[in-house]
Amino acid sequence: MAAQFADLPEALDNTIEIARRCAWRPVKRKPILPVFVPESGREPEEELKVQAEEGLTRRMAMNALAAGEKVYHERLAYELSIINGMGFPGYFLIVSDFMKWTKGRGIPVGVRGSGASSLVAWALDITNLDPLRFGLVFERFLNPERVSMPDFDIDFCQSGATKWCAMCATNMAPTGWPISSLWDRCRRAPRCATPAGCCRCR
C-alpha cells in the first residue's frame, strides 16, 4: 500500500488519524429496567411466584396436560429460579399486566418467538401455548449461561395498538417509566402475494 501511494504518503497517515478519531468503546452496564411495585405489597420475586402458581393451577384445570402435574410444577419452579436469579421478575410482571389489560378489552394480541417456550409466561397469560405439550426448551428464551434480556415479540391489532399506547402513557408514565412510541410503516409489493415472490418491506 505504501508503494501504491508513494507519491502521496500523507494518505496513509490520514487513514491512521481517521481510525483514531473513530475509535470508541462503549461502557458496559447492566440493563436499566423499570421497577414494578406490586399492589399486594409483596416483593416482585414473591409476587411473580404467587401469580405464576395461581395461573398454572388455573391453566391445568382448563387444559389437557401433556405430563403429570408434578412435571408442570417442577418446570415452573425451575423457570422461576432462573427468572428471579437473573433479576427479571419485574419484566414478566409488567408484560403480564399489560397483556391481561389488552385481552380483557378484546384487543387481538399475540406473542411469537422463543417466549412461547416459557411455562411462566403461559401461567401469566402472556402466551396461550403450553410449552410442555410441544417439547419447547425454556433455555431457548432465557439462559443463565448466555446472559441476555428476555424479549417477548408481541403483535397488537392495528386498531387496538393506539388504545394500548394510551393506557401505557396514562398508567405507566406517572410512575416514572419513560414511555416512547416506535412506528414502522410497512408496504408490501404485489409480488409478495405470489408463491415465488420475495416478501420485502419498503
Protein backbone atom coordinates (compact mmCIF):
# COMPACT_ATOMS: atom_id res chain seq x y z
CA MET A 1 0.00 0.00 0.00
CA ALA A 2 2.89 2.34 0.78
CA ALA A 3 4.30 1.64 -2.69
CA GLN A 4 0.92 2.39 -4.30
CA PHE A 5 0.79 5.79 -2.58
CA ALA A 6 4.47 6.62 -2.71
CA ASP A 7 3.65 9.98 -4.25
CA LEU A 8 1.11 10.77 -1.51
CA PRO A 9 2.46 9.45 1.83
CA GLU A 10 0.08 11.63 3.86
CA ALA A 11 -2.80 9.49 2.57
CA LEU A 12 -1.65 6.58 4.73
CA ASP A 13 -1.10 8.87 7.69
CA ASN A 14 -4.63 10.19 7.31
CA THR A 15 -6.14 6.67 7.44
CA ILE A 16 -4.50 6.15 10.82
CA GLU A 17 -5.71 9.53 12.03
CA ILE A 18 -9.28 8.76 10.94
CA ALA A 19 -9.17 5.36 12.64
CA ARG A 20 -8.06 7.01 15.88
CA ARG A 21 -10.87 9.54 15.74
CA CYS A 22 -13.45 6.83 15.06
CA ALA A 23 -12.26 4.53 17.82
CA TRP A 24 -14.88 4.34 20.57
CA ARG A 25 -15.55 1.75 23.21
CA PRO A 26 -19.00 1.77 24.84
CA VAL A 27 -19.17 1.50 28.60
CA LYS A 28 -20.86 -1.70 29.68
CA ARG A 29 -23.59 -1.61 32.29
CA LYS A 30 -26.49 -3.72 33.40
CA PRO A 31 -29.86 -3.14 31.69
CA ILE A 32 -31.95 -0.38 33.25
CA LEU A 33 -35.41 -1.82 33.89
CA PRO A 34 -38.49 -0.09 35.31
CA VAL A 35 -39.32 -1.03 38.87
CA PHE A 36 -42.59 -2.92 39.21
CA VAL A 37 -44.28 -2.29 42.55
CA PRO A 38 -46.96 -4.95 43.20
CA GLU A 39 -50.21 -3.65 44.68
CA SER A 40 -50.13 -6.57 47.12
CA GLY A 41 -47.09 -5.12 48.87
CA ARG A 42 -45.03 -8.20 48.10
CA GLU A 43 -41.56 -8.12 46.61
CA PRO A 44 -41.53 -8.66 42.82
CA GLU A 45 -39.97 -12.12 43.20
CA GLU A 46 -42.68 -13.27 45.60
CA GLU A 47 -45.44 -11.65 43.54
CA LEU A 48 -44.22 -13.44 40.42
CA LYS A 49 -44.21 -16.76 42.26
CA VAL A 50 -47.74 -16.26 43.60
CA GLN A 51 -49.21 -15.17 40.26
CA ALA A 52 -47.42 -17.92 38.34
CA GLU A 53 -48.55 -20.68 40.70
CA GLU A 54 -52.14 -19.44 40.70
CA GLY A 55 -52.10 -19.09 36.92
CA LEU A 56 -50.64 -22.55 36.41
CA THR A 57 -53.29 -24.11 38.63
CA ARG A 58 -55.98 -22.39 36.56
CA ARG A 59 -54.38 -23.39 33.26
CA MET A 60 -54.04 -27.04 34.29
CA ALA A 61 -57.69 -27.17 35.31
CA MET A 62 -58.79 -25.82 31.93
CA ASN A 63 -56.47 -27.75 29.59
CA ALA A 64 -55.47 -31.34 28.91
CA LEU A 65 -51.96 -31.88 30.25
CA ALA A 66 -49.02 -33.27 28.33
CA ALA A 67 -47.46 -34.67 31.51
CA GLY A 68 -48.22 -35.17 35.18
CA GLU A 69 -48.95 -32.15 37.38
CA LYS A 70 -45.68 -32.73 39.24
CA VAL A 71 -43.75 -32.20 36.00
CA TYR A 72 -45.52 -28.88 35.45
CA HIS A 73 -44.82 -27.67 38.99
CA GLU A 74 -41.17 -28.68 38.75
CA ARG A 75 -40.80 -26.85 35.45
CA LEU A 76 -42.46 -23.78 36.91
CA ALA A 77 -40.15 -23.77 39.94
CA TYR A 78 -37.12 -24.18 37.67
CA GLU A 79 -38.12 -21.26 35.44
CA LEU A 80 -38.89 -19.04 38.42
CA SER A 81 -35.45 -19.73 39.89
CA ILE A 82 -33.79 -18.62 36.65
CA ILE A 83 -36.02 -15.57 36.15
CA ASN A 84 -35.54 -14.36 39.71
CA GLY A 85 -31.87 -15.27 39.72
CA MET A 86 -31.24 -13.18 36.61
CA GLY A 87 -33.22 -10.25 38.01
CA PHE A 88 -36.18 -10.24 35.61
CA PRO A 89 -39.29 -10.80 37.78
CA GLY A 90 -40.45 -7.21 37.18
CA TYR A 91 -40.20 -7.64 33.42
CA PHE A 92 -42.52 -10.66 33.43
CA LEU A 93 -44.98 -8.90 35.74
CA ILE A 94 -45.05 -5.80 33.55
CA VAL A 95 -45.68 -7.79 30.37
CA SER A 96 -48.30 -9.91 32.11
CA ASP A 97 -50.03 -6.80 33.42
CA PHE A 98 -50.49 -5.14 30.04
CA MET A 99 -51.28 -8.41 28.26
CA LYS A 100 -54.16 -9.06 30.68
CA TRP A 101 -55.34 -5.48 30.16
CA THR A 102 -55.23 -5.91 26.39
CA LYS A 103 -57.01 -9.27 26.29
CA GLY A 104 -59.58 -8.08 28.83
CA ARG A 105 -60.66 -5.37 26.38
CA GLY A 106 -60.98 -7.70 23.42
CA ILE A 107 -57.95 -6.31 21.57
CA PRO A 108 -56.41 -9.05 19.39
CA VAL A 109 -52.83 -9.65 20.52
CA GLY A 110 -50.33 -12.47 20.08
CA VAL A 111 -46.82 -13.47 21.05
CA ARG A 112 -44.35 -15.06 18.68
CA GLY A 113 -40.79 -16.22 19.03
CA SER A 114 -38.93 -18.06 21.76
CA GLY A 115 -41.07 -16.55 24.52
CA ALA A 116 -43.57 -19.33 23.82
CA SER A 117 -41.15 -21.77 25.47
CA SER A 118 -41.82 -20.30 28.92
CA LEU A 119 -44.27 -22.05 31.22
CA VAL A 120 -44.27 -18.98 33.47
CA ALA A 121 -45.41 -16.89 30.51
CA TRP A 122 -48.25 -19.35 29.88
CA ALA A 123 -49.26 -19.24 33.54
CA LEU A 124 -49.22 -15.41 33.50
CA ASP A 125 -51.44 -15.20 30.39
CA ILE A 126 -48.63 -13.73 28.31
CA THR A 127 -48.78 -16.66 25.89
CA ASN A 128 -51.53 -19.14 25.06
CA LEU A 129 -49.34 -22.15 24.33
CA ASP A 130 -48.38 -24.97 26.70
CA PRO A 131 -44.61 -25.39 26.11
CA LEU A 132 -44.55 -28.89 27.60
CA ARG A 133 -47.08 -30.13 25.08
CA PHE A 134 -44.75 -29.18 22.25
CA GLY A 135 -41.44 -30.01 23.95
CA LEU A 136 -40.19 -26.41 23.93
CA VAL A 137 -36.99 -25.70 25.84
CA PHE A 138 -37.02 -22.72 28.21
CA GLU A 139 -33.30 -22.05 27.75
CA ARG A 140 -34.04 -21.07 24.17
CA PHE A 141 -35.71 -17.99 25.67
CA LEU A 142 -33.72 -17.34 28.84
CA ASN A 143 -30.40 -18.97 29.61
CA PRO A 144 -28.21 -18.14 32.64
CA GLU A 145 -25.15 -19.31 30.69
CA ARG A 146 -25.89 -16.82 27.91
CA VAL A 147 -26.96 -13.72 29.76
CA SER A 148 -29.26 -11.55 27.67
CA MET A 149 -32.50 -9.66 28.12
CA PRO A 150 -35.73 -11.66 27.77
CA ASP A 151 -37.70 -10.42 24.81
CA PHE A 152 -41.35 -11.16 24.10
CA ASP A 153 -42.22 -10.36 20.48
CA ILE A 154 -45.78 -9.07 20.80
CA ASP A 155 -48.08 -8.10 17.94
CA PHE A 156 -51.11 -5.91 18.60
CA CYS A 157 -54.05 -5.45 16.29
CA GLN A 158 -53.57 -2.15 14.50
CA SER A 159 -56.89 -0.78 15.69
CA GLY A 160 -56.11 -1.62 19.31
CA ALA A 161 -52.47 -0.55 19.41
CA THR A 162 -53.43 3.10 19.90
CA LYS A 163 -55.57 2.20 22.92
CA TRP A 164 -52.70 0.21 24.38
CA CYS A 165 -50.25 3.09 23.91
CA ALA A 166 -52.72 5.46 25.58
CA MET A 167 -53.05 3.08 28.52
CA CYS A 168 -49.27 2.92 28.92
CA ALA A 169 -48.98 6.70 28.82
CA THR A 170 -51.75 7.06 31.40
CA ASN A 171 -50.88 4.26 33.82
CA MET A 172 -47.13 3.85 33.47
CA ALA A 173 -45.73 7.31 32.79
CA PRO A 174 -46.78 8.73 36.21
CA THR A 175 -44.74 6.00 37.91
CA GLY A 176 -41.57 7.36 36.36
CA TRP A 177 -41.34 4.88 33.48
CA PRO A 178 -40.26 6.62 30.28
CA ILE A 179 -42.80 5.90 27.55
CA SER A 180 -41.99 6.14 23.86
CA SER A 181 -43.62 5.03 20.63
CA LEU A 182 -41.78 3.49 17.70
CA TRP A 183 -43.73 3.21 14.49
CA ASP A 184 -42.83 1.15 11.46
CA ARG A 185 -44.78 1.62 8.25
CA CYS A 186 -44.63 -1.46 6.05
CA ARG A 187 -45.83 -1.65 2.47
CA ARG A 188 -45.89 -4.99 0.68
CA ALA A 189 -45.34 -5.07 -3.04
CA PRO A 190 -47.76 -7.09 -5.25
CA ARG A 191 -45.14 -9.77 -5.84
CA CYS A 192 -45.36 -10.72 -2.18
CA ALA A 193 -48.68 -12.42 -2.93
CA THR A 194 -47.12 -14.84 -5.40
CA PRO A 195 -45.51 -18.12 -4.28
CA ALA A 196 -42.22 -17.20 -5.91
CA GLY A 197 -42.29 -13.66 -4.58
CA CYS A 198 -39.90 -12.34 -2.03
CA CYS A 199 -41.68 -10.68 0.89
CA ARG A 200 -39.93 -7.39 1.47
CA CYS A 201 -40.77 -4.25 3.37
CA ARG A 202 -40.05 -0.84 1.85
